PDB file of N, CA and C in Angstrom:
ATOM      1  N   MET A   1      18.428 166.111 207.766  1.00  0.00           N
ATOM      2  CA  MET A   1      17.758 163.940 206.923  1.00  0.00           C
ATOM      3  C   MET A   1      18.355 165.049 205.286  1.00  0.00           C
ATOM      4  N   ASP A   2      19.129 163.407 205.061  1.00  0.00           N
ATOM      5  CA  ASP A   2      19.716 163.381 203.306  1.00  0.00           C
ATOM      6  C   ASP A   2      18.526 162.072 203.488  1.00  0.00           C
ATOM      7  N   LYS A   3      18.168 163.388 201.613  1.00  0.00           N
ATOM      8  CA  LYS A   3      16.962 162.733 201.052  1.00  0.00           C
ATOM      9  C   LYS A   3      17.796 161.958 199.827  1.00  0.00           C
ATOM     10  N   ARG A   4      18.788 161.248 199.556  1.00  0.00           N
ATOM     11  CA  ARG A   4      19.543 160.483 198.919  1.00  0.00           C
ATOM     12  C   ARG A   4      19.375 159.275 199.478  1.00  0.00           C
ATOM     13  N   LYS A   5      19.116 158.337 198.280  1.00  0.00           N
ATOM     14  CA  LYS A   5      18.248 156.921 199.052  1.00  0.00           C
ATOM     15  C   LYS A   5      19.721 155.701 198.553  1.00  0.00           C
ATOM     16  N   GLN A   6      20.438 156.178 198.128  1.00  0.00           N
ATOM     17  CA  GLN A   6      21.956 155.105 197.796  1.00  0.00           C
ATOM     18  C   GLN A   6      23.113 155.841 198.703  1.00  0.00           C
ATOM     19  N   VAL A   7      23.936 155.553 199.011  1.00  0.00           N
ATOM     20  CA  VAL A   7      24.791 155.515 200.075  1.00  0.00           C
ATOM     21  C   VAL A   7      25.567 155.646 198.844  1.00  0.00           C
ATOM     22  N   ARG A   8      26.136 156.913 199.427  1.00  0.00           N
ATOM     23  CA  ARG A   8      27.853 158.117 199.145  1.00  0.00           C
ATOM     24  C   ARG A   8      28.086 157.746 198.531  1.00  0.00           C
ATOM     25  N   VAL A   9      29.871 157.820 198.655  1.00  0.00           N
ATOM     26  CA  VAL A   9      31.885 157.439 198.709  1.00  0.00           C
ATOM     27  C   VAL A   9      32.884 158.249 198.610  1.00  0.00           C
ATOM     28  N   VAL A  10      32.949 158.772 199.059  1.00  0.00           N
ATOM     29  CA  VAL A  10      34.192 159.661 198.600  1.00  0.00           C
ATOM     30  C   VAL A  10      35.518 158.859 198.033  1.00  0.00           C
ATOM     31  N   PRO A  11      35.474 158.937 197.087  1.00  0.00           N
ATOM     32  CA  PRO A  11      36.451 158.914 196.423  1.00  0.00           C
ATOM     33  C   PRO A  11      38.026 158.588 197.144  1.00  0.00           C
ATOM     34  N   PHE A  12      38.761 158.237 196.939  1.00  0.00           N
ATOM     35  CA  PHE A  12      40.417 158.114 197.513  1.00  0.00           C
ATOM     36  C   PHE A  12      40.813 159.333 196.593  1.00  0.00           C
ATOM     37  N   PRO A  13      41.512 160.918 197.675  1.00  0.00           N
ATOM     38  CA  PRO A  13      42.250 162.192 197.082  1.00  0.00           C
ATOM     39  C   PRO A  13      43.492 160.879 195.538  1.00  0.00           C
ATOM     40  N   LYS A  14      44.398 159.583 195.780  1.00  0.00           N
ATOM     41  CA  LYS A  14      45.302 160.050 194.903  1.00  0.00           C
ATOM     42  C   LYS A  14      44.322 158.367 194.156  1.00  0.00           C
ATOM     43  N   GLN A  15      43.573 158.150 194.069  1.00  0.00           N
ATOM     44  CA  GLN A  15      42.424 157.358 193.512  1.00  0.00           C
ATOM     45  C   GLN A  15      41.454 158.236 192.720  1.00  0.00           C
ATOM     46  N   PRO A  16      41.332 159.623 191.962  1.00  0.00           N
ATOM     47  CA  PRO A  16      39.969 160.066 191.451  1.00  0.00           C
ATOM     48  C   PRO A  16      38.610 159.559 190.612  1.00  0.00           C
ATOM     49  N   VAL A  17      38.191 160.207 191.069  1.00  0.00           N
ATOM     50  CA  VAL A  17      36.700 159.319 189.950  1.00  0.00           C
ATOM     51  C   VAL A  17      36.445 160.116 189.267  1.00  0.00           C
ATOM     52  N   GLN A  18      37.503 160.507 187.919  1.00  0.00           N
ATOM     53  CA  GLN A  18      37.062 161.318 186.993  1.00  0.00           C
ATOM     54  C   GLN A  18      35.770 161.605 185.747  1.00  0.00           C
ATOM     55  N   LEU A  19      35.443 162.215 185.307  1.00  0.00           N
ATOM     56  CA  LEU A  19      34.331 162.544 184.423  1.00  0.00           C
ATOM     57  C   LEU A  19      34.203 163.768 183.270  1.00  0.00           C
ATOM     58  N   GLN A  20      33.529 163.397 181.551  1.00  0.00           N
ATOM     59  CA  GLN A  20      34.228 163.926 180.898  1.00  0.00           C
ATOM     60  C   GLN A  20      32.203 163.780 180.903  1.00  0.00           C
ATOM     61  N   LEU A  21      32.099 165.699 181.076  1.00  0.00           N
ATOM     62  CA  LEU A  21      30.472 166.056 181.020  1.00  0.00           C
ATOM     63  C   LEU A  21      30.963 167.107 179.894  1.00  0.00           C
ATOM     64  N   MET A  22      29.110 166.716 178.853  1.00  0.00           N
ATOM     65  CA  MET A  22      28.992 166.894 177.105  1.00  0.00           C
ATOM     66  C   MET A  22      27.833 167.066 177.992  1.00  0.00           C
ATOM     67  N   GLY A  23      27.283 168.757 177.534  1.00  0.00           N
ATOM     68  CA  GLY A  23      26.389 169.134 177.065  1.00  0.00           C
ATOM     69  C   GLY A  23      25.766 170.312 176.203  1.00  0.00           C
ATOM     70  N   ASN A  24      24.333 171.129 176.088  1.00  0.00           N
ATOM     71  CA  ASN A  24      24.342 171.511 175.452  1.00  0.00           C
ATOM     72  C   ASN A  24      25.182 172.952 175.174  1.00  0.00           C
ATOM     73  N   GLY A  25      26.368 173.115 174.280  1.00  0.00           N
ATOM     74  CA  GLY A  25      26.859 174.131 174.541  1.00  0.00           C
ATOM     75  C   GLY A  25      28.784 174.436 175.102  1.00  0.00           C
ATOM     76  N   PHE A  26      28.862 172.451 176.265  1.00  0.00           N
ATOM     77  CA  PHE A  26      29.942 172.918 177.024  1.00  0.00           C
ATOM     78  C   PHE A  26      30.579 171.749 177.091  1.00  0.00           C
ATOM     79  N   LEU A  27      31.922 171.289 176.566  1.00  0.00           N
ATOM     80  CA  LEU A  27      32.203 170.472 178.063  1.00  0.00           C
ATOM     81  C   LEU A  27      33.111 170.148 178.469  1.00  0.00           C
ATOM     82  N   ASP A  28      33.326 169.379 180.172  1.00  0.00           N
ATOM     83  CA  ASP A  28      34.152 170.350 181.024  1.00  0.00           C
ATOM     84  C   ASP A  28      34.625 167.867 180.943  1.00  0.00           C
ATOM     85  N   ILE A  29      35.611 167.923 181.938  1.00  0.00           N
ATOM     86  CA  ILE A  29      36.346 166.931 183.272  1.00  0.00           C
ATOM     87  C   ILE A  29      36.977 167.712 183.648  1.00  0.00           C
ATOM     88  N   LEU A  30      35.817 166.620 184.703  1.00  0.00           N
ATOM     89  CA  LEU A  30      35.953 167.028 186.296  1.00  0.00           C
ATOM     90  C   LEU A  30      35.449 165.740 187.289  1.00  0.00           C
ATOM     91  N   VAL A  31      36.894 166.136 188.557  1.00  0.00           N
ATOM     92  CA  VAL A  31      36.500 165.435 189.695  1.00  0.00           C
ATOM     93  C   VAL A  31      35.094 165.194 190.730  1.00  0.00           C
ATOM     94  N   ALA A  32      35.359 164.204 190.212  1.00  0.00           N
ATOM     95  CA  ALA A  32      33.848 163.221 191.151  1.00  0.00           C
ATOM     96  C   ALA A  32      34.287 163.776 193.177  1.00  0.00           C
ATOM     97  N   GLN A  33      32.822 164.769 193.531  1.00  0.00           N
ATOM     98  CA  GLN A  33      32.918 164.718 194.952  1.00  0.00           C
ATOM     99  C   GLN A  33      32.735 163.601 195.816  1.00  0.00           C
ATOM    100  N   ASP A  34      31.986 163.206 194.975  1.00  0.00           N
ATOM    101  CA  ASP A  34      31.383 162.082 196.113  1.00  0.00           C
ATOM    102  C   ASP A  34      30.199 161.316 194.812  1.00  0.00           C
ATOM    103  N   VAL A  35      30.014 159.966 195.100  1.00  0.00           N
ATOM    104  CA  VAL A  35      29.592 158.612 193.901  1.00  0.00           C
ATOM    105  C   VAL A  35      28.810 157.838 194.892  1.00  0.00           C
ATOM    106  N   SER A  36      27.819 157.421 193.793  1.00  0.00           N
ATOM    107  CA  SER A  36      26.746 156.490 194.567  1.00  0.00           C
ATOM    108  C   SER A  36      25.849 156.328 193.690  1.00  0.00           C
ATOM    109  N   GLU A  37      25.396 155.203 192.957  1.00  0.00           N
ATOM    110  CA  GLU A  37      24.738 154.244 192.311  1.00  0.00           C
ATOM    111  C   GLU A  37      23.566 155.414 191.517  1.00  0.00           C
ATOM    112  N   GLY A  38      23.161 155.887 191.755  1.00  0.00           N
ATOM    113  CA  GLY A  38      21.995 156.605 190.880  1.00  0.00           C
ATOM    114  C   GLY A  38      22.582 158.393 190.592  1.00  0.00           C
ATOM    115  N   GLY A  39      24.126 158.909 191.932  1.00  0.00           N
ATOM    116  CA  GLY A  39      25.231 159.986 190.424  1.00  0.00           C
ATOM    117  C   GLY A  39      26.024 160.497 191.023  1.00  0.00           C
ATOM    118  N   ILE A  40      26.755 161.714 190.273  1.00  0.00           N
ATOM    119  CA  ILE A  40      27.424 162.246 191.207  1.00  0.00           C
ATOM    120  C   ILE A  40      27.546 163.327 191.435  1.00  0.00           C
ATOM    121  N   ALA A  41      28.497 163.480 192.638  1.00  0.00           N
ATOM    122  CA  ALA A  41      28.745 165.093 192.776  1.00  0.00           C
ATOM    123  C   ALA A  41      29.607 165.519 193.106  1.00  0.00           C
ATOM    124  N   VAL A  42      29.534 167.228 191.483  1.00  0.00           N
ATOM    125  CA  VAL A  42      30.968 167.740 191.553  1.00  0.00           C
ATOM    126  C   VAL A  42      30.723 168.950 191.540  1.00  0.00           C
ATOM    127  N   ARG A  43      32.437 169.524 191.939  1.00  0.00           N
ATOM    128  CA  ARG A  43      32.509 170.817 192.313  1.00  0.00           C
ATOM    129  C   ARG A  43      33.684 171.158 190.750  1.00  0.00           C
ATOM    130  N   VAL A  44      32.408 172.294 190.389  1.00  0.00           N
ATOM    131  CA  VAL A  44      32.407 173.223 188.226  1.00  0.00           C
ATOM    132  C   VAL A  44      32.649 175.029 189.175  1.00  0.00           C
ATOM    133  N   PRO A  45      33.909 174.588 189.132  1.00  0.00           N
ATOM    134  CA  PRO A  45      34.164 176.285 189.303  1.00  0.00           C
ATOM    135  C   PRO A  45      33.871 177.602 188.900  1.00  0.00           C
ATOM    136  N   HIS A  46      33.302 177.175 187.411  1.00  0.00           N
ATOM    137  CA  HIS A  46      32.569 178.257 186.494  1.00  0.00           C
ATOM    138  C   HIS A  46      31.634 178.357 186.929  1.00  0.00           C
ATOM    139  N   LYS A  47      30.769 177.235 187.796  1.00  0.00           N
ATOM    140  CA  LYS A  47      29.253 177.150 188.595  1.00  0.00           C
ATOM    141  C   LYS A  47      28.321 176.845 186.983  1.00  0.00           C
ATOM    142  N   PHE A  48      28.651 176.368 185.312  1.00  0.00           N
ATOM    143  CA  PHE A  48      28.595 176.577 184.103  1.00  0.00           C
ATOM    144  C   PHE A  48      27.657 177.462 183.418  1.00  0.00           C
ATOM    145  N   ASP A  49      27.854 179.062 184.177  1.00  0.00           N
ATOM    146  CA  ASP A  49      28.625 180.006 184.019  1.00  0.00           C
ATOM    147  C   ASP A  49      28.167 179.704 182.423  1.00  0.00           C
ATOM    148  N   GLY A  50      26.861 180.846 181.540  1.00  0.00           N
ATOM    149  CA  GLY A  50      26.323 180.651 180.397  1.00  0.00           C
ATOM    150  C   GLY A  50      26.147 179.282 179.786  1.00  0.00           C
ATOM    151  N   CYS A  51      25.340 178.822 180.214  1.00  0.00           N
ATOM    152  CA  CYS A  51      25.632 177.106 179.268  1.00  0.00           C
ATOM    153  C   CYS A  51      24.258 176.682 179.946  1.00  0.00           C
ATOM    154  N   ASP A  52      24.150 176.037 178.989  1.00  0.00           N
ATOM    155  CA  ASP A  52      22.388 175.479 179.044  1.00  0.00           C
ATOM    156  C   ASP A  52      22.853 174.516 179.848  1.00  0.00           C
ATOM    157  N   ILE A  53      21.894 173.861 181.079  1.00  0.00           N
ATOM    158  CA  ILE A  53      21.990 172.876 181.182  1.00  0.00           C
ATOM    159  C   ILE A  53      20.459 171.910 182.360  1.00  0.00           C
ATOM    160  N   HIS A  54      19.601 172.767 181.381  1.00  0.00           N
ATOM    161  CA  HIS A  54      18.219 172.027 181.499  1.00  0.00           C
ATOM    162  C   HIS A  54      18.294 171.175 180.589  1.00  0.00           C
ATOM    163  N   SER A  55      19.463 170.558 179.478  1.00  0.00           N
ATOM    164  CA  SER A  55      19.492 169.463 178.398  1.00  0.00           C
ATOM    165  C   SER A  55      19.273 168.280 179.031  1.00  0.00           C
ATOM    166  N   SER A  56      19.534 167.368 178.913  1.00  0.00           N
ATOM    167  CA  SER A  56      19.928 166.049 178.462  1.00  0.00           C
ATOM    168  C   SER A  56      22.371 166.232 178.452  1.00  0.00           C
ATOM    169  N   VAL A  57      22.537 165.859 179.233  1.00  0.00           N
ATOM    170  CA  VAL A  57      24.170 165.541 179.112  1.00  0.00           C
ATOM    171  C   VAL A  57      24.973 163.957 179.432  1.00  0.00           C
ATOM    172  N   GLU A  58      25.713 164.856 178.383  1.00  0.00           N
ATOM    173  CA  GLU A  58      26.462 162.372 177.975  1.00  0.00           C
ATOM    174  C   GLU A  58      27.526 163.005 178.986  1.00  0.00           C
ATOM    175  N   ILE A  59      27.652 161.472 179.761  1.00  0.00           N
ATOM    176  CA  ILE A  59      28.738 161.739 180.513  1.00  0.00           C
ATOM    177  C   ILE A  59      29.958 160.748 180.536  1.00  0.00           C
ATOM    178  N   VAL A  60      31.627 160.690 180.191  1.00  0.00           N
ATOM    179  CA  VAL A  60      32.385 159.501 180.489  1.00  0.00           C
ATOM    180  C   VAL A  60      32.392 158.831 182.411  1.00  0.00           C
ATOM    181  N   VAL A  61      31.998 158.319 182.623  1.00  0.00           N
ATOM    182  CA  VAL A  61      32.884 157.529 184.297  1.00  0.00           C
ATOM    183  C   VAL A  61      34.077 156.964 184.003  1.00  0.00           C
ATOM    184  N   SER A  62      35.103 157.092 183.967  1.00  0.00           N
ATOM    185  CA  SER A  62      35.604 157.058 185.437  1.00  0.00           C
ATOM    186  C   SER A  62      36.567 156.475 185.996  1.00  0.00           C
ATOM    187  N   LEU A  63      35.770 154.864 186.717  1.00  0.00           N
ATOM    188  CA  LEU A  63      36.444 154.759 187.578  1.00  0.00           C
ATOM    189  C   LEU A  63      37.874 154.221 188.414  1.00  0.00           C
ATOM    190  N   PRO A  64      38.655 154.920 189.189  1.00  0.00           N
ATOM    191  CA  PRO A  64      39.608 153.363 188.987  1.00  0.00           C
ATOM    192  C   PRO A  64      40.248 152.620 189.584  1.00  0.00           C
ATOM    193  N   GLY A  65      40.663 151.739 188.153  1.00  0.00           N
ATOM    194  CA  GLY A  65      40.091 150.100 188.419  1.00  0.00           C
ATOM    195  C   GLY A  65      39.724 149.671 187.636  1.00  0.00           C
ATOM    196  N   TYR A  66      38.503 150.550 187.020  1.00  0.00           N
ATOM    197  CA  TYR A  66      37.642 150.241 185.719  1.00  0.00           C
ATOM    198  C   TYR A  66      38.265 150.357 184.650  1.00  0.00           C
ATOM    199  N   LYS A  67      37.396 150.102 183.431  1.00  0.00           N
ATOM    200  CA  LYS A  67      36.894 149.997 182.589  1.00  0.00           C
ATOM    201  C   LYS A  67      36.490 152.159 181.652  1.00  0.00           C
ATOM    202  N   PRO A  68      36.704 152.253 181.891  1.00  0.00           N
ATOM    203  CA  PRO A  68      34.756 154.215 181.999  1.00  0.00           C
ATOM    204  C   PRO A  68      33.840 153.349 181.022  1.00  0.00           C
ATOM    205  N   PHE A  69      32.480 153.831 181.444  1.00  0.00           N
ATOM    206  CA  PHE A  69      31.757 153.603 180.601  1.00  0.00           C
ATOM    207  C   PHE A  69      31.425 155.007 180.105  1.00  0.00           C
ATOM    208  N   LYS A  70      30.591 154.994 179.398  1.00  0.00           N
ATOM    209  CA  LYS A  70      29.315 155.870 178.747  1.00  0.00           C
ATOM    210  C   LYS A  70      27.786 156.226 179.329  1.00  0.00           C
ATOM    211  N   ALA A  71      26.939 156.910 180.011  1.00  0.00           N
ATOM    212  CA  ALA A  71      26.066 157.192 180.468  1.00  0.00           C
ATOM    213  C   ALA A  71      24.956 158.039 180.200  1.00  0.00           C
ATOM    214  N   LEU A  72      23.881 158.632 180.877  1.00  0.00           N
ATOM    215  CA  LEU A  72      23.469 159.666 180.095  1.00  0.00           C
ATOM    216  C   LEU A  72      22.296 160.020 181.400  1.00  0.00           C
ATOM    217  N   GLY A  73      22.103 161.480 181.920  1.00  0.00           N
ATOM    218  CA  GLY A  73      21.762 162.014 182.975  1.00  0.00           C
ATOM    219  C   GLY A  73      21.548 163.721 182.681  1.00  0.00           C
ATOM    220  N   LYS A  74      21.318 164.298 183.989  1.00  0.00           N
ATOM    221  CA  LYS A  74      21.522 165.323 183.876  1.00  0.00           C
ATOM    222  C   LYS A  74      21.641 166.017 185.378  1.00  0.00           C
ATOM    223  N   ILE A  75      21.189 167.488 185.038  1.00  0.00           N
ATOM    224  CA  ILE A  75      22.455 168.406 186.005  1.00  0.00           C
ATOM    225  C   ILE A  75      20.738 168.026 187.554  1.00  0.00           C
ATOM    226  N   LYS A  76      21.456 167.885 188.288  1.00  0.00           N
ATOM    227  CA  LYS A  76      19.881 168.096 189.345  1.00  0.00           C
ATOM    228  C   LYS A  76      19.748 169.605 190.022  1.00  0.00           C
ATOM    229  N   HIS A  77      21.229 170.048 190.818  1.00  0.00           N
ATOM    230  CA  HIS A  77      20.881 171.056 191.963  1.00  0.00           C
ATOM    231  C   HIS A  77      22.319 171.661 192.250  1.00  0.00           C
ATOM    232  N   LEU A  78      22.339 173.251 192.189  1.00  0.00           N
ATOM    233  CA  LEU A  78      23.726 173.700 192.923  1.00  0.00           C
ATOM    234  C   LEU A  78      23.349 174.179 194.416  1.00  0.00           C
ATOM    235  N   SER A  79      23.904 173.578 195.397  1.00  0.00           N
ATOM    236  CA  SER A  79      24.268 173.920 196.835  1.00  0.00           C
ATOM    237  C   SER A  79      23.802 175.471 196.902  1.00  0.00           C
ATOM    238  N   ALA A  80      23.251 176.056 197.311  1.00  0.00           N
ATOM    239  CA  ALA A  80      23.756 177.386 197.549  1.00  0.00           C
ATOM    240  C   ALA A  80      24.605 177.363 199.287  1.00  0.00           C
ATOM    241  N   SER A  81      24.632 176.440 199.343  1.00  0.00           N
ATOM    242  CA  SER A  81      25.645 177.040 200.677  1.00  0.00           C
ATOM    243  C   SER A  81      26.593 177.192 200.717  1.00  0.00           C
ATOM    244  N   LYS A  82      27.160 178.134 201.830  1.00  0.00           N
ATOM    245  CA  LYS A  82      28.717 178.940 201.080  1.00  0.00           C
ATOM    246  C   LYS A  82      29.855 177.885 200.953  1.00  0.00           C
ATOM    247  N   GLU A  83      30.396 176.653 201.661  1.00  0.00           N
ATOM    248  CA  GLU A  83      30.729 176.107 201.515  1.00  0.00           C
ATOM    249  C   GLU A  83      30.418 174.961 200.336  1.00  0.00           C
ATOM    250  N   ALA A  84      29.588 175.051 199.768  1.00  0.00           N
ATOM    251  CA  ALA A  84      29.327 174.524 198.938  1.00  0.00           C
ATOM    252  C   ALA A  84      29.149 174.463 196.839  1.00  0.00           C
ATOM    253  N   GLN A  85      30.148 175.770 197.154  1.00  0.00           N
ATOM    254  CA  GLN A  85      29.980 176.652 196.077  1.00  0.00           C
ATOM    255  C   GLN A  85      30.481 175.838 195.030  1.00  0.00           C
ATOM    256  N   GLY A  86      29.789 176.027 193.962  1.00  0.00           N
ATOM    257  CA  GLY A  86      29.960 175.057 192.682  1.00  0.00           C
ATOM    258  C   GLY A  86      29.645 174.237 192.663  1.00  0.00           C
ATOM    259  N   LEU A  87      29.324 173.286 193.438  1.00  0.00           N
ATOM    260  CA  LEU A  87      28.987 171.758 193.758  1.00  0.00           C
ATOM    261  C   LEU A  87      27.777 171.817 193.477  1.00  0.00           C
ATOM    262  N   PHE A  88      27.566 170.736 191.945  1.00  0.00           N
ATOM    263  CA  PHE A  88      26.289 169.793 191.616  1.00  0.00           C
ATOM    264  C   PHE A  88      26.211 168.514 191.406  1.00  0.00           C
ATOM    265  N   GLY A  89      25.428 168.766 190.893  1.00  0.00           N
ATOM    266  CA  GLY A  89      24.793 166.976 191.247  1.00  0.00           C
ATOM    267  C   GLY A  89      24.488 167.036 189.905  1.00  0.00           C
ATOM    268  N   LEU A  90      24.475 165.397 190.017  1.00  0.00           N
ATOM    269  CA  LEU A  90      24.713 164.968 188.357  1.00  0.00           C
ATOM    270  C   LEU A  90      23.720 163.281 188.733  1.00  0.00           C
ATOM    271  N   GLN A  91      22.117 163.120 188.463  1.00  0.00           N
ATOM    272  CA  GLN A  91      21.750 162.456 188.226  1.00  0.00           C
ATOM    273  C   GLN A  91      21.850 161.816 186.630  1.00  0.00           C
ATOM    274  N   PHE A  92      21.854 160.128 187.230  1.00  0.00           N
ATOM    275  CA  PHE A  92      21.816 159.161 186.430  1.00  0.00           C
ATOM    276  C   PHE A  92      21.032 158.856 185.658  1.00  0.00           C
ATOM    277  N   THR A  93      20.456 159.496 184.114  1.00  0.00           N
ATOM    278  CA  THR A  93      19.418 158.650 183.950  1.00  0.00           C
ATOM    279  C   THR A  93      18.908 157.745 183.579  1.00  0.00           C
ATOM    280  N   GLN A  94      20.640 157.036 182.863  1.00  0.00           N
ATOM    281  CA  GLN A  94      20.628 155.773 181.765  1.00  0.00           C
ATOM    282  C   GLN A  94      21.676 155.856 181.749  1.00  0.00           C
ATOM    283  N   ILE A  95      22.503 153.854 181.900  1.00  0.00           N
ATOM    284  CA  ILE A  95      23.828 153.220 182.713  1.00  0.00           C
ATOM    285  C   ILE A  95      23.654 152.152 181.213  1.00  0.00           C
ATOM    286  N   ASP A  96      24.211 150.793 180.814  1.00  0.00           N
ATOM    287  CA  ASP A  96      24.378 150.814 180.205  1.00  0.00           C
ATOM    288  C   ASP A  96      24.614 149.271 181.721  1.00  0.00           C
ATOM    289  N   VAL A  97      24.213 148.384 181.313  1.00  0.00           N
ATOM    290  CA  VAL A  97      24.915 147.251 182.366  1.00  0.00           C
ATOM    291  C   VAL A  97      25.548 147.459 182.642  1.00  0.00           C
ATOM    292  N   LYS A  98      27.059 147.584 182.271  1.00  0.00           N
ATOM    293  CA  LYS A  98      28.622 146.921 182.847  1.00  0.00           C
ATOM    294  C   LYS A  98      28.813 148.448 183.210  1.00  0.00           C
ATOM    295  N   GLY A  99      28.265 149.006 182.539  1.00  0.00           N
ATOM    296  CA  GLY A  99      28.605 150.541 183.605  1.00  0.00           C
ATOM    297  C   GLY A  99      27.134 150.384 184.771  1.00  0.00           C
ATOM    298  N   LYS A 100      25.898 149.433 184.936  1.00  0.00           N
ATOM    299  CA  LYS A 100      25.497 149.615 186.625  1.00  0.00           C
ATOM    300  C   LYS A 100      26.597 148.452 187.202  1.00  0.00           C
ATOM    301  N   GLY A 101      27.432 147.866 186.707  1.00  0.00           N
ATOM    302  CA  GLY A 101      28.019 147.157 187.217  1.00  0.00           C
ATOM    303  C   GLY A 101      29.294 147.322 188.221  1.00  0.00           C
ATOM    304  N   PHE A 102      29.912 148.131 187.359  1.00  0.00           N
ATOM    305  CA  PHE A 102      31.440 148.861 187.903  1.00  0.00           C
ATOM    306  C   PHE A 102      30.548 149.774 189.205  1.00  0.00           C
ATOM    307  N   LEU A 103      29.561 150.554 188.754  1.00  0.00           N
ATOM    308  CA  LEU A 103      29.129 151.326 189.438  1.00  0.00           C
ATOM    309  C   LEU A 103      28.685 150.752 191.745  1.00  0.00           C
ATOM    310  N   LEU A 104      27.729 150.051 191.043  1.00  0.00           N
ATOM    311  CA  LEU A 104      27.716 148.842 192.528  1.00  0.00           C
ATOM    312  C   LEU A 104      28.938 148.696 193.161  1.00  0.00           C
ATOM    313  N   ASP A 105      29.804 147.855 192.251  1.00  0.00           N
ATOM    314  CA  ASP A 105      30.822 147.257 192.529  1.00  0.00           C
ATOM    315  C   ASP A 105      31.572 148.841 193.334  1.00  0.00           C
ATOM    316  N   TYR A 106      31.991 149.868 192.486  1.00  0.00           N
ATOM    317  CA  TYR A 106      32.875 150.372 193.271  1.00  0.00           C
ATOM    318  C   TYR A 106      32.278 150.841 194.426  1.00  0.00           C
ATOM    319  N   VAL A 107      31.291 150.957 194.726  1.00  0.00           N
ATOM    320  CA  VAL A 107      30.389 151.740 195.700  1.00  0.00           C
ATOM    321  C   VAL A 107      30.150 150.653 196.585  1.00  0.00           C
ATOM    322  N   LYS A 108      29.991 148.967 196.857  1.00  0.00           N
ATOM    323  CA  LYS A 108      30.327 148.348 197.910  1.00  0.00           C
ATOM    324  C   LYS A 108      31.839 148.533 198.535  1.00  0.00           C
ATOM    325  N   LYS A 109      32.825 148.574 197.187  1.00  0.00           N
ATOM    326  CA  LYS A 109      34.721 148.179 197.697  1.00  0.00           C
ATOM    327  C   LYS A 109      34.996 149.500 198.926  1.00  0.00           C
ATOM    328  N   LEU A 110      34.029 150.891 198.599  1.00  0.00           N
ATOM    329  CA  LEU A 110      34.218 151.950 199.501  1.00  0.00           C
ATOM    330  C   LEU A 110      33.495 151.936 200.067  1.00  0.00           C
ATOM    331  N   THR A 111      32.043 151.334 200.820  1.00  0.00           N
ATOM    332  CA  THR A 111      32.041 151.575 202.037  1.00  0.00           C
ATOM    333  C   THR A 111      32.371 150.411 202.536  1.00  0.00           C
ATOM    334  N   SER A 112      32.528 149.345 202.095  1.00  0.00           N
ATOM    335  CA  SER A 112      33.331 148.023 203.355  1.00  0.00           C
ATOM    336  C   SER A 112      34.593 149.118 203.639  1.00  0.00           C
ATOM    337  N   LEU A 113      35.237 149.873 203.058  1.00  0.00           N
ATOM    338  CA  LEU A 113      36.352 150.156 203.095  1.00  0.00           C
ATOM    339  C   LEU A 113      36.222 152.030 204.262  1.00  0.00           C
ATOM    340  N   ARG A 114      34.276 152.275 204.640  1.00  0.00           N
ATOM    341  CA  ARG A 114      34.501 153.444 205.692  1.00  0.00           C
ATOM    342  C   ARG A 114      34.773 154.919 204.742  1.00  0.00           C
ATOM    343  N   ARG A 115      34.334 154.671 203.472  1.00  0.00           N
ATOM    344  CA  ARG A 115      34.329 155.811 202.812  1.00  0.00           C
ATOM    345  C   ARG A 115      32.504 156.906 202.437  1.00  0.00           C
ATOM    346  N   MET A 116      32.230 156.326 203.210  1.00  0.00           N
ATOM    347  CA  MET A 116      30.803 157.162 203.786  1.00  0.00           C
ATOM    348  C   MET A 116      31.027 158.915 203.097  1.00  0.00           C
ATOM    349  N   ALA A 117      30.247 158.618 201.883  1.00  0.00           N
ATOM    350  CA  ALA A 117      29.869 161.290 202.541  1.00  0.00           C
ATOM    351  C   ALA A 117      28.565 161.076 203.278  1.00  0.00           C
ATOM    352  N   GLY A 118      28.923 162.556 204.854  1.00  0.00           N
ATOM    353  CA  GLY A 118      29.120 162.704 205.403  1.00  0.00           C
ATOM    354  C   GLY A 118      27.475 163.269 205.395  1.00  0.00           C
TER     355      GLY A 118
END
């Protein structure tokens, strides 16, 4: 049973959702695996080895067709399964009204195109 409360959508490969993730001792540019109103899943090949991931992180989200927006979040989990190696969940803790609107619109658009995550 999926524990998530929000619908997760999978971006089109030719229209990736890009993130700039800034934390305590690291800066990464990543591509989202899936997106919801509450957070984003990202694959991090280096698994944040040697980085402090327990502090809040700053995120700049670039959704295709929308202006980039800033958010604050926290890194929630690392999947232990072999097929999900290096997969992290970023939970949004603070987003401005404009960014929330962009996210809601993007998720609705991809839901209507049946791009929901499994």
